Protein backbone atom coordinates (compact mmCIF):
# COMPACT_ATOMS: atom_id res chain seq x y z
CA MET A 1 32.31 -19.52 0.37
CA ASN A 2 31.21 -18.85 -3.22
CA ALA A 3 27.47 -18.47 -2.84
CA ALA A 4 25.58 -16.65 -5.56
CA PRO A 5 24.32 -13.31 -4.27
CA PRO A 6 20.81 -13.02 -2.83
CA ILE A 7 18.18 -11.91 -5.32
CA ILE A 8 15.69 -9.24 -4.28
CA VAL A 9 12.57 -9.05 -6.42
CA GLY A 10 11.32 -5.47 -6.25
CA GLY A 11 13.32 -2.25 -6.05
CA GLY A 12 10.88 -0.09 -4.11
CA PRO A 13 11.29 0.89 -0.44
CA ALA A 14 11.29 -2.73 0.81
CA GLY A 15 13.77 -3.94 -1.76
CA LEU A 16 16.13 -1.00 -1.27
CA ALA A 17 15.95 -1.30 2.52
CA THR A 18 16.75 -5.01 2.44
CA ALA A 19 19.65 -4.48 0.02
CA ALA A 20 21.04 -1.71 2.26
CA CYS A 21 20.83 -3.90 5.38
CA LEU A 22 22.54 -6.75 3.56
CA LYS A 23 25.37 -4.38 2.59
CA GLN A 24 25.87 -3.65 6.27
CA HIS A 25 26.50 -7.39 6.68
CA GLY A 26 28.97 -7.34 3.78
CA ILE A 27 26.57 -8.98 1.32
CA GLU A 28 25.83 -7.54 -2.12
CA ALA A 29 22.40 -8.45 -3.47
CA ILE A 30 20.99 -8.38 -6.98
CA VAL A 31 17.92 -6.13 -7.02
CA LEU A 32 15.43 -6.62 -9.86
CA ASP A 33 12.65 -4.11 -10.54
CA LYS A 34 10.14 -3.85 -13.35
CA GLY A 35 10.06 -0.04 -13.18
CA ALA A 36 11.99 2.22 -15.51
CA GLN A 37 13.38 4.35 -12.66
CA VAL A 38 14.15 4.06 -8.96
CA GLY A 39 11.01 4.91 -7.01
CA GLN A 40 8.74 4.10 -9.95
CA SER A 41 5.80 3.01 -7.79
CA TRP A 42 5.86 6.38 -6.03
CA ARG A 43 6.34 8.29 -9.26
CA ASP A 44 3.11 6.72 -10.48
CA ARG A 45 0.93 7.85 -7.55
CA TYR A 46 -1.38 10.88 -7.52
CA GLU A 47 0.32 14.22 -6.97
CA ARG A 48 -1.57 15.24 -3.83
CA LEU A 49 -0.33 12.20 -1.92
CA HIS A 50 1.74 12.69 1.25
CA LEU A 51 2.91 10.09 3.72
CA HIS A 52 0.36 9.47 6.46
CA THR A 53 3.17 8.77 8.91
CA PRO A 54 5.49 11.60 9.98
CA ARG A 55 9.01 11.94 8.62
CA VAL A 56 10.63 10.63 11.82
CA GLN A 57 8.59 7.43 11.58
CA SER A 58 9.08 6.87 7.87
CA HIS A 59 12.79 6.59 7.08
CA LEU A 60 14.41 3.42 5.84
CA PRO A 61 17.33 1.79 7.70
CA GLY A 62 20.56 3.73 7.94
CA TYR A 63 19.56 6.96 6.19
CA ARG A 64 17.06 9.53 7.43
CA ILE A 65 14.67 11.63 5.39
CA PRO A 66 15.90 15.26 5.19
CA ARG A 67 14.20 17.64 7.63
CA ALA A 68 13.67 20.06 4.73
CA TYR A 69 10.95 17.72 3.45
CA GLY A 70 8.73 18.66 6.39
CA ARG A 71 6.73 16.53 8.80
CA TRP A 72 4.41 15.09 6.13
CA VAL A 73 6.58 14.10 3.20
CA SER A 74 5.12 14.62 -0.28
CA ARG A 75 5.01 12.02 -3.03
CA ALA A 76 7.68 13.90 -5.00
CA ASN A 77 9.97 14.10 -1.98
CA VAL A 78 9.52 10.38 -1.30
CA VAL A 79 10.78 9.76 -4.83
CA ASP A 80 13.76 12.06 -4.21
CA TYR A 81 14.48 10.25 -0.95
CA LEU A 82 14.41 6.81 -2.55
CA VAL A 83 16.78 7.95 -5.30
CA SER A 84 19.11 9.42 -2.66
CA TYR A 85 18.82 6.26 -0.55
CA ALA A 86 19.88 4.05 -3.43
CA GLY A 87 22.78 6.40 -4.16
CA HIS A 88 23.87 6.57 -0.52
CA PHE A 89 24.20 2.77 -0.34
CA ALA A 90 25.42 2.39 -3.94
CA ILE A 91 22.46 0.18 -4.81
CA GLU A 92 21.97 -0.14 -8.56
CA PRO A 93 18.76 -2.06 -9.30
CA ARG A 94 18.46 -3.83 -12.62
CA LEU A 95 15.56 -1.79 -13.98
CA GLY A 96 12.95 -2.83 -16.50
CA VAL A 97 13.22 -6.47 -15.41
CA THR A 98 9.93 -8.29 -14.78
CA VAL A 99 10.14 -11.47 -12.73
CA THR A 100 7.50 -13.92 -13.89
CA ARG A 101 8.09 -16.91 -11.61
CA VAL A 102 10.18 -18.23 -8.74
CA ASP A 103 10.87 -21.97 -8.46
CA ARG A 104 12.83 -24.33 -6.24
CA ASP A 105 15.56 -26.46 -7.82
CA GLY A 106 17.41 -28.55 -5.27
CA ASP A 107 19.01 -26.18 -2.77
CA ALA A 108 18.68 -23.16 -5.06
CA TRP A 109 15.97 -20.76 -6.10
CA VAL A 110 15.42 -20.09 -9.80
CA VAL A 111 14.12 -16.64 -10.72
CA THR A 112 12.64 -16.47 -14.20
CA THR A 113 12.59 -13.27 -16.28
CA PRO A 114 11.90 -12.68 -19.99
CA ASP A 115 15.67 -12.42 -20.45
CA GLY A 116 16.51 -15.71 -18.78
CA GLU A 117 16.97 -17.30 -15.38
CA LEU A 118 18.95 -16.35 -12.28
CA ARG A 119 19.87 -18.71 -9.46
CA SER A 120 20.52 -18.04 -5.79
CA PRO A 121 20.26 -19.81 -2.43
CA VAL A 122 18.22 -16.88 -1.11
CA VAL A 123 15.39 -14.84 -2.63
CA VAL A 124 13.55 -11.88 -1.09
CA ILE A 125 10.16 -10.92 -2.49
CA ALA A 126 9.71 -7.16 -2.01
CA THR A 127 7.20 -6.35 -4.73
CA GLY A 128 4.99 -4.23 -2.50
CA TYR A 129 1.68 -4.47 -0.69
CA ASN A 130 -0.01 -2.61 -3.57
CA GLY A 131 1.35 -4.76 -6.36
CA VAL A 132 -1.46 -5.08 -8.91
CA PRO A 133 -4.42 -2.67 -9.25
CA PHE A 134 -7.73 -4.46 -8.66
CA LEU A 135 -10.79 -3.44 -10.68
CA PRO A 136 -13.94 -5.41 -9.83
CA ASP A 137 -15.71 -7.18 -12.66
CA TRP A 138 -18.92 -5.21 -12.20
CA PRO A 139 -21.86 -6.41 -14.31
CA GLY A 140 -22.32 -4.11 -17.29
CA HIS A 141 -19.09 -2.17 -16.80
CA GLU A 142 -18.26 -2.68 -20.47
CA THR A 143 -21.45 -0.76 -21.38
CA PHE A 144 -20.58 2.32 -19.33
CA THR A 145 -20.47 5.34 -21.61
CA GLY A 146 -18.49 7.52 -19.20
CA GLU A 147 -14.86 7.30 -18.16
CA LEU A 148 -13.91 4.36 -15.92
CA LEU A 149 -10.43 4.17 -14.43
CA HIS A 150 -8.65 2.65 -11.46
CA ALA A 151 -7.26 5.09 -8.89
CA HIS A 152 -3.79 3.94 -9.93
CA ALA A 153 -4.29 5.97 -13.12
CA TYR A 154 -5.45 9.13 -11.31
CA ARG A 155 -2.84 11.90 -11.11
CA VAL A 156 -4.41 15.36 -10.74
CA PRO A 157 -7.97 16.73 -10.45
CA ASP A 158 -7.71 19.13 -13.39
CA PRO A 159 -9.45 16.87 -15.97
CA TYR A 160 -12.49 16.60 -13.69
CA VAL A 161 -13.16 20.28 -12.99
CA GLY A 162 -16.85 20.99 -13.65
CA ARG A 163 -17.66 17.29 -14.06
CA ASP A 164 -19.65 14.78 -12.02
CA VAL A 165 -17.40 12.08 -10.57
CA ALA A 166 -18.10 8.94 -8.56
CA VAL A 167 -15.22 7.66 -6.44
CA VAL A 168 -15.70 4.01 -5.50
CA GLY A 169 -14.07 2.85 -2.27
CA ALA A 170 -13.88 4.50 1.14
CA GLY A 171 -10.29 3.72 2.03
CA ASN A 172 -7.47 6.23 2.34
CA THR A 173 -6.98 6.53 -1.42
CA GLY A 174 -10.68 6.97 -2.18
CA ALA A 175 -11.14 9.48 0.63
CA GLU A 176 -8.18 11.56 -0.48
CA ILE A 177 -9.10 11.54 -4.17
CA ALA A 178 -12.68 12.53 -3.31
CA ALA A 179 -11.39 15.45 -1.23
CA ASP A 180 -8.94 16.41 -3.98
CA LEU A 181 -11.73 16.53 -6.57
CA ALA A 182 -14.11 18.47 -4.33
CA GLU A 183 -11.49 21.04 -3.36
CA SER A 184 -10.46 21.54 -6.99
CA GLY A 185 -13.79 22.24 -8.63
CA ALA A 186 -15.49 19.00 -9.61
CA ARG A 187 -19.21 19.77 -9.95
CA THR A 188 -20.42 16.73 -8.00
CA VAL A 189 -18.41 14.16 -6.07
CA TRP A 190 -20.00 10.96 -4.84
CA LEU A 191 -18.09 8.59 -2.57
CA SER A 192 -19.37 5.03 -2.84
CA VAL A 193 -19.09 3.25 0.52
CA ARG A 194 -19.32 -0.53 0.82
CA THR A 195 -17.77 -0.95 4.28
CA PRO A 196 -18.23 2.11 6.55
CA PRO A 197 -14.73 3.23 7.56
CA ASN A 198 -13.24 4.32 10.81
CA ILE A 199 -11.88 7.85 10.38
CA VAL A 200 -9.13 9.34 12.52
CA PRO A 201 -7.33 12.71 12.40
CA ARG A 202 -3.78 12.92 11.08
CA SER A 203 -2.70 14.58 14.34
CA LEU A 204 -4.17 14.75 17.81
CA ALA A 205 -3.03 17.63 20.03
CA GLY A 206 -0.08 18.04 17.68
CA ILE A 207 0.97 14.40 17.97
CA PRO A 208 0.77 12.29 14.76
CA VAL A 209 -1.97 9.73 15.26
CA SER A 210 0.23 7.05 13.68
CA LEU A 211 2.63 7.39 16.62
CA ILE A 212 -0.24 7.06 19.07
CA GLY A 213 -1.55 4.14 17.01
CA ILE A 214 1.58 2.07 17.57
CA SER A 215 0.00 0.91 20.82
CA ASN A 216 -2.93 -0.46 18.81
CA GLU A 217 -0.65 -3.27 17.64
CA TYR A 218 -0.84 -4.66 21.16
CA THR A 219 -4.18 -3.37 22.45
CA ALA A 220 -7.16 -5.71 22.80
CA PRO A 221 -10.13 -4.66 20.64
CA VAL A 222 -12.42 -4.71 23.68
CA VAL A 223 -10.31 -1.87 25.08
CA GLY A 224 -9.14 -0.03 21.98
CA ASP A 225 -12.30 -0.03 19.86
CA PRO A 226 -14.48 1.98 22.28
CA LEU A 227 -11.65 4.48 22.79
CA THR A 228 -11.12 5.11 19.09
CA LYS A 229 -14.87 5.40 18.48
CA ALA A 230 -15.24 7.89 21.31
CA ALA A 231 -12.29 9.95 20.11
CA THR A 232 -13.62 10.04 16.55
CA ARG A 233 -17.08 11.12 17.72
CA ALA A 234 -15.58 13.85 19.91
CA LEU A 235 -13.39 15.23 17.12
CA PHE A 236 -15.67 14.90 14.09
CA GLY A 237 -19.16 14.71 15.55
CA ASP A 238 -21.76 12.38 14.10
CA LEU A 239 -20.84 12.07 10.43
CA ARG A 240 -24.14 10.31 9.74
CA GLU A 241 -25.56 13.82 9.59
CA HIS A 242 -23.49 14.23 6.42
CA GLY A 243 -24.38 10.86 4.93
CA MET A 244 -21.37 8.84 6.12
CA PRO A 245 -22.54 5.60 7.77
CA MET A 246 -20.96 4.58 11.05
CA PRO A 247 -18.78 1.45 11.10
CA GLU A 248 -20.04 -1.52 13.07
CA MET A 249 -16.49 -2.46 14.06
CA GLY A 250 -13.93 -0.35 15.83
CA ALA A 251 -10.60 0.47 14.22
CA ILE A 252 -8.65 -2.37 15.85
CA SER A 253 -11.22 -5.06 15.08
CA GLN A 254 -11.61 -3.84 11.51
CA HIS A 255 -7.88 -4.05 11.00
CA ARG A 256 -7.37 -7.46 12.58
CA GLU A 257 -10.38 -9.13 11.01
CA HIS A 258 -10.48 -7.43 7.61
CA ASP A 259 -6.99 -5.93 7.18
CA ARG A 260 -8.47 -2.42 6.87
CA ILE A 261 -6.53 0.58 8.15
CA PRO A 262 -8.60 3.60 9.32
CA ILE A 263 -8.92 6.60 7.04
CA ILE A 264 -6.39 9.25 8.02
CA ASP A 265 -8.36 12.43 7.46
CA VAL A 266 -6.57 14.92 5.20
CA GLY A 267 -9.60 16.82 3.94
CA LEU A 268 -12.52 14.42 3.57
CA VAL A 269 -14.36 15.43 6.75
CA ASP A 270 -14.34 19.11 5.78
CA GLN A 271 -15.74 18.24 2.36
CA LEU A 272 -18.44 16.05 3.90
CA ARG A 273 -19.47 18.86 6.21
CA ALA A 274 -19.53 21.33 3.32
CA GLY A 275 -21.71 18.99 1.26
CA ARG A 276 -19.16 18.81 -1.55
CA VAL A 277 -18.67 15.05 -1.10
CA THR A 278 -21.80 12.93 -0.90
CA PRO A 279 -21.56 9.36 0.42
CA VAL A 280 -23.66 6.81 -1.49
CA ALA A 281 -24.19 3.06 -1.36
CA ALA A 282 -21.87 0.44 -2.82
CA VAL A 283 -21.66 0.00 -6.59
CA THR A 284 -23.27 -3.20 -7.88
CA GLY A 285 -23.12 -2.65 -11.62
CA PHE A 286 -23.39 -0.38 -14.65
CA ALA A 287 -26.09 0.22 -17.24
CA GLY A 288 -25.04 2.44 -20.11
CA ALA A 289 -24.51 5.92 -18.69
CA GLU A 290 -25.68 4.91 -15.22
CA VAL A 291 -24.01 3.43 -12.16
CA VAL A 292 -26.26 1.06 -10.20
CA LEU A 293 -26.01 1.15 -6.40
CA ALA A 294 -26.81 -1.47 -3.76
CA ASP A 295 -29.81 0.48 -2.46
CA GLY A 296 -31.41 0.51 -5.92
CA SER A 297 -30.58 4.12 -6.73
CA ARG A 298 -28.58 5.17 -9.79
CA LEU A 299 -26.01 7.82 -10.62
CA ARG A 300 -25.06 9.37 -13.96
CA PRO A 301 -21.44 10.43 -13.48
CA ASP A 302 -19.13 11.63 -16.22
CA ALA A 303 -16.35 9.55 -14.68
CA VAL A 304 -15.91 6.72 -12.19
CA ILE A 305 -12.63 6.42 -10.30
CA ALA A 306 -12.31 2.98 -8.71
CA ALA A 307 -10.28 3.21 -5.50
CA THR A 308 -10.90 -0.50 -5.08
CA GLY A 309 -7.48 -1.50 -3.87
CA TYR A 310 -4.71 -3.77 -5.04
CA ARG A 311 -3.68 -7.38 -5.00
CA THR A 312 -0.18 -8.54 -4.17
CA GLY A 313 0.28 -10.39 -7.47
CA LEU A 314 2.04 -13.19 -5.59
CA ASP A 315 -0.29 -15.91 -6.89
CA GLN A 316 1.35 -15.85 -10.30
CA LEU A 317 4.85 -15.39 -8.90
CA VAL A 318 5.02 -17.90 -6.03
CA GLY A 319 1.48 -19.20 -5.52
CA HIS A 320 2.44 -22.67 -6.77
CA LEU A 321 4.89 -22.99 -3.84
CA GLY A 322 2.15 -23.00 -1.19
CA VAL A 323 3.50 -19.88 0.52
CA VAL A 324 0.49 -17.55 0.14
CA ASP A 325 -2.97 -17.64 1.69
CA ASP A 326 -6.34 -17.49 -0.07
CA LYS A 327 -6.03 -13.70 -0.33
CA GLY A 328 -2.67 -13.89 -2.04
CA ARG A 329 -0.69 -12.76 1.02
CA PRO A 330 2.46 -14.51 2.25
CA THR A 331 1.94 -16.87 5.17
CA HIS A 332 5.44 -16.13 6.53
CA HIS A 333 7.19 -12.76 6.77
CA ARG A 334 10.66 -11.18 7.12
CA HIS A 335 13.12 -13.60 8.83
CA HIS A 336 10.56 -16.40 9.04
CA THR A 337 10.32 -18.65 5.99
CA HIS A 338 7.90 -21.41 5.07
CA PRO A 339 9.20 -24.87 6.05
CA HIS A 340 8.78 -26.04 2.46
CA ALA A 341 10.37 -22.87 1.03
CA PRO A 342 13.57 -22.25 3.01
CA ASN A 343 15.32 -18.93 2.40
CA LEU A 344 12.39 -17.43 0.51
CA HIS A 345 11.67 -14.19 2.39
CA PHE A 346 8.91 -11.59 2.11
CA VAL A 347 9.44 -7.95 3.10
CA GLY A 348 6.98 -5.06 2.83
CA LEU A 349 3.89 -7.18 2.32
CA THR A 350 2.09 -6.63 5.63
CA ASN A 351 -0.36 -3.91 6.59
CA ARG A 352 0.25 -2.78 10.18
CA PHE A 353 -0.83 0.11 12.40
CA ILE A 354 2.77 1.24 12.80
CA GLY A 355 2.96 2.33 9.15
CA LEU A 356 4.31 0.62 6.05
CA LEU A 357 7.73 2.29 5.92
CA ASN A 358 8.23 1.76 9.65
CA THR A 359 7.32 -1.91 9.17
CA ILE A 360 9.76 -2.17 6.27
CA ARG A 361 12.58 -0.70 8.36
CA LEU A 362 12.09 -3.28 11.10
CA ASP A 363 11.51 -6.23 8.77
CA ALA A 364 14.43 -5.47 6.45
CA ARG A 365 16.85 -5.54 9.37
CA LYS A 366 15.56 -8.87 10.67
CA THR A 367 15.55 -10.38 7.20
CA ALA A 368 19.11 -9.24 6.48
CA ARG A 369 20.34 -10.75 9.76
CA ALA A 370 18.70 -14.06 8.90
CA ILE A 371 20.22 -14.06 5.42
CA ALA A 372 23.65 -13.14 6.77
CA THR A 373 23.44 -16.11 9.14
CA GLU A 374 22.52 -18.37 6.25
CA PHE A 375 25.43 -17.09 4.14
CA THR A 376 27.94 -17.84 6.87
CA ARG A 377 26.61 -21.35 7.36
CA PRO A 378 29.08 -24.04 6.21
CA GLY A 379 28.19 -25.60 2.91
CA VAL A 380 26.33 -22.68 1.36
CA ALA A 381 27.34 -22.51 -2.27
């Protein structure tokens, strides 16, 4: 059997995990990554960031995160772990390689890069759930006289000490950046809220809430939503007293219907209570030095940090194959492939309660088993 090796597009956690699992089946894959270094996506995140899932729930297949990194692993230690993981399994991604398109040609897949084409019977897309920063096309944003940046470009709070900052987006990134700014000396911090979030503690009675939340994968919203709302109210009180609107949906419904994970509180609630973070309405546009809000009010911040999320970027890569939905997400995952796109796998592109790295660990194993079965099938060449 002389099959070309599988090609993995993306050398982050999902790509490395899939390559490691394939090695355990005796299959060497080609890993392509646009970054300059292993762990580039994590190198580029803000310094305060820690995993929201505990160390024991966050390791990739076959190699655990060192206990010395603590329960809540820092961004820098995640980078160190990914570098060590690649070294442990002797995975050497081809770095600085941007894949622009994937096409079907007979029984093979053709992967196009600026340096030419690669062919393989199997391709794994592991480019990450947060592939491309999304900045809304707000009316008048080009007239804004302050600083406007996506959260992807935020690193540390130092440049914003003594300044007025509006953080747009009440997800985990927006909540954590708002807390980071408030704790570090920003003069005013506004948090623009479009969809009121569910907020949960990082731990409950010493148990990481992400471990408790695994059951939410299988719990009916009619049961789970009232429980999570009651627990949040008991732990945090009524946050409406501090300007944070209450969500209409419970955590499980919000996740299943809108793909929104609850905020894991790592400082926001304390800053709300202290009045150092002020929730405001959604941003609808800009007018010179002002930010226009949905309730008609206006802000005059020195800087606006848009924690407005990411897109997968799959539309440009594989959208023409009919394998992504209207939100740019793959319709089939891990070992399942689209009937019109056999052996085109997606790993690390789902957003589940059990945590992204935990999801990757499970999905990489299933995907590798499916690929190994395909590679032992007679006639693969």
